[in-house]
Amino acid sequence: MSQIDIKKLAFLSRLQFSEEAEKAFGAKFESVMDFVNTISEADTEGVPPYISAEEGTPTPERADAVTEPNLRDLHQQNAPKAEQGFYVVPKVVE
């Protein structure tokens, strides 16, 4: 992995590295990618798919029932500001 690739990946990930850390990151990242490549080479012929991924298998469901008391008013007593049952927060995006 080139230093340019590491810098680009760091920028996209919003990470900042020193030069030493960039080199260490590059080596560690390459070892992770080597491991991923090793896994992708595994022979999975004849291995059944994970049961939940099998088409037509129903998903277990629970009843849609209220199990907890409504404590909204009690919790909102600790909020700096609440109106009509909602938390009021300052606008952060223009």
C-alpha atoms as a PDB file:
ATOM      1  CA  MET A   1       0.000   0.000   0.000  1.00  0.00           C
ATOM      2  CA  SER A   2       1.531   3.301  -1.051  1.00  0.00           C
ATOM      3  CA  GLN A   3       1.839   6.369   1.153  1.00  0.00           C
ATOM      4  CA  ILE A   4      -0.589   8.150  -1.198  1.00  0.00           C
ATOM      5  CA  ASP A   5      -3.176   5.409  -0.633  1.00  0.00           C
ATOM      6  CA  ILE A   6      -2.670   5.637   3.130  1.00  0.00           C
ATOM      7  CA  LYS A   7      -3.065   9.429   3.084  1.00  0.00           C
ATOM      8  CA  LYS A   8      -6.224   9.132   0.962  1.00  0.00           C
ATOM      9  CA  LEU A   9      -7.686   6.459   3.243  1.00  0.00           C
ATOM     10  CA  ALA A  10      -6.823   8.537   6.320  1.00  0.00           C
ATOM     11  CA  PHE A  11      -8.490  11.598   4.771  1.00  0.00           C
ATOM     12  CA  LEU A  12     -11.646   9.648   3.911  1.00  0.00           C
ATOM     13  CA  SER A  13     -11.706   8.157   7.421  1.00  0.00           C
ATOM     14  CA  ARG A  14     -11.041  11.544   9.031  1.00  0.00           C
ATOM     15  CA  LEU A  15      -7.887  10.188  10.680  1.00  0.00           C
ATOM     16  CA  GLN A  16      -4.612  11.984  11.202  1.00  0.00           C
ATOM     17  CA  PHE A  17      -1.336  10.065  11.377  1.00  0.00           C
ATOM     18  CA  SER A  18       2.255  11.030  12.004  1.00  0.00           C
ATOM     19  CA  GLU A  19       4.728   9.693   9.404  1.00  0.00           C
ATOM     20  CA  GLU A  20       5.714   6.824  11.714  1.00  0.00           C
ATOM     21  CA  ALA A  21       2.082   5.949  12.345  1.00  0.00           C
ATOM     22  CA  GLU A  22       1.359   6.020   8.595  1.00  0.00           C
ATOM     23  CA  LYS A  23       4.077   3.446   7.967  1.00  0.00           C
ATOM     24  CA  ALA A  24       2.851   1.238  10.819  1.00  0.00           C
ATOM     25  CA  PHE A  25      -0.730   1.575   9.608  1.00  0.00           C
ATOM     26  CA  GLY A  26       0.301   0.576   6.094  1.00  0.00           C
ATOM     27  CA  ALA A  27       1.987  -2.587   7.347  1.00  0.00           C
ATOM     28  CA  LYS A  28      -0.955  -3.533   9.571  1.00  0.00           C
ATOM     29  CA  PHE A  29      -3.473  -2.797   6.826  1.00  0.00           C
ATOM     30  CA  GLU A  30      -1.563  -4.988   4.392  1.00  0.00           C
ATOM     31  CA  SER A  31      -1.568  -7.862   6.905  1.00  0.00           C
ATOM     32  CA  VAL A  32      -5.340  -7.492   7.327  1.00  0.00           C
ATOM     33  CA  MET A  33      -5.802  -7.561   3.548  1.00  0.00           C
ATOM     34  CA  ASP A  34      -3.582 -10.651   3.310  1.00  0.00           C
ATOM     35  CA  PHE A  35      -5.813 -12.342   5.892  1.00  0.00           C
ATOM     36  CA  VAL A  36      -8.951 -11.370   3.934  1.00  0.00           C
ATOM     37  CA  ASN A  37      -7.406 -12.805   0.775  1.00  0.00           C
ATOM     38  CA  THR A  38      -6.572 -16.025   2.633  1.00  0.00           C
ATOM     39  CA  ILE A  39     -10.169 -16.345   3.798  1.00  0.00           C
ATOM     40  CA  SER A  40     -11.533 -15.673   0.307  1.00  0.00           C
ATOM     41  CA  GLU A  41      -9.451 -18.583  -1.009  1.00  0.00           C
ATOM     42  CA  ALA A  42     -11.122 -21.039   1.370  1.00  0.00           C
ATOM     43  CA  ASP A  43     -13.019 -23.865  -0.315  1.00  0.00           C
ATOM     44  CA  THR A  44     -16.670 -23.439   0.614  1.00  0.00           C
ATOM     45  CA  GLU A  45     -18.019 -25.970  -1.877  1.00  0.00           C
ATOM     46  CA  GLY A  46     -20.694 -28.064  -0.181  1.00  0.00           C
ATOM     47  CA  VAL A  47     -20.942 -25.807   2.867  1.00  0.00           C
ATOM     48  CA  PRO A  48     -24.609 -24.996   3.478  1.00  0.00           C
ATOM     49  CA  PRO A  49     -25.531 -21.310   3.775  1.00  0.00           C
ATOM     50  CA  TYR A  50     -26.179 -19.734   7.130  1.00  0.00           C
ATOM     51  CA  ILE A  51     -29.725 -20.712   8.082  1.00  0.00           C
ATOM     52  CA  SER A  52     -31.120 -17.166   8.347  1.00  0.00           C
ATOM     53  CA  ALA A  53     -29.904 -16.379   4.824  1.00  0.00           C
ATOM     54  CA  GLU A  54     -31.827 -19.266   3.327  1.00  0.00           C
ATOM     55  CA  GLU A  55     -34.784 -18.120   1.272  1.00  0.00           C
ATOM     56  CA  GLY A  56     -38.170 -19.063   2.643  1.00  0.00           C
ATOM     57  CA  THR A  57     -36.955 -19.560   6.219  1.00  0.00           C
ATOM     58  CA  PRO A  58     -39.275 -17.652   8.550  1.00  0.00           C
ATOM     59  CA  THR A  59     -37.798 -15.183  10.989  1.00  0.00           C
ATOM     60  CA  PRO A  60     -38.829 -15.690  14.624  1.00  0.00           C
ATOM     61  CA  GLU A  61     -41.023 -12.822  15.734  1.00  0.00           C
ATOM     62  CA  ARG A  62     -42.142 -11.588  19.106  1.00  0.00           C
ATOM     63  CA  ALA A  63     -45.517 -10.145  19.984  1.00  0.00           C
ATOM     64  CA  ASP A  64     -45.817  -6.396  19.451  1.00  0.00           C
ATOM     65  CA  ALA A  65     -46.833  -5.639  23.013  1.00  0.00           C
ATOM     66  CA  VAL A  66     -45.928  -2.867  25.456  1.00  0.00           C
ATOM     67  CA  THR A  67     -43.721  -4.349  28.168  1.00  0.00           C
ATOM     68  CA  GLU A  68     -42.374  -1.211  29.867  1.00  0.00           C
ATOM     69  CA  PRO A  69     -44.234   1.672  31.520  1.00  0.00           C
ATOM     70  CA  ASN A  70     -44.164   5.088  29.811  1.00  0.00           C
ATOM     71  CA  LEU A  71     -41.627   7.105  31.822  1.00  0.00           C
ATOM     72  CA  ARG A  72     -41.135   9.864  29.241  1.00  0.00           C
ATOM     73  CA  ASP A  73     -42.228  12.698  31.547  1.00  0.00           C
ATOM     74  CA  LEU A  74     -39.974  11.437  34.332  1.00  0.00           C
ATOM     75  CA  HIS A  75     -36.957  11.245  31.984  1.00  0.00           C
ATOM     76  CA  GLN A  76     -37.646  14.627  30.416  1.00  0.00           C
ATOM     77  CA  GLN A  77     -37.448  16.297  33.816  1.00  0.00           C
ATOM     78  CA  ASN A  78     -33.664  15.981  33.460  1.00  0.00           C
ATOM     79  CA  ALA A  79     -33.597  17.501  29.964  1.00  0.00           C
ATOM     80  CA  PRO A  80     -32.465  21.119  29.559  1.00  0.00           C
ATOM     81  CA  LYS A  81     -35.510  21.746  27.352  1.00  0.00           C
ATOM     82  CA  ALA A  82     -38.518  19.668  26.303  1.00  0.00           C
ATOM     83  CA  GLU A  83     -41.746  20.683  24.565  1.00  0.00           C
ATOM     84  CA  GLN A  84     -44.870  18.634  23.831  1.00  0.00           C
ATOM     85  CA  GLY A  85     -43.114  15.400  24.806  1.00  0.00           C
ATOM     86  CA  PHE A  86     -40.054  16.002  22.596  1.00  0.00           C
ATOM     87  CA  TYR A  87     -36.485  16.911  23.505  1.00  0.00           C
ATOM     88  CA  VAL A  88     -35.533  20.343  22.131  1.00  0.00           C
ATOM     89  CA  VAL A  89     -31.949  20.615  20.917  1.00  0.00           C
ATOM     90  CA  PRO A  90     -30.053  23.518  19.376  1.00  0.00           C
ATOM     91  CA  LYS A  91     -29.843  23.650  15.584  1.00  0.00           C
ATOM     92  CA  VAL A  92     -26.419  22.427  14.447  1.00  0.00           C
ATOM     93  CA  VAL A  93     -26.837  22.460  10.643  1.00  0.00           C
ATOM     94  CA  GLU A  94     -27.491  25.625   8.677  1.00  0.00           C
END
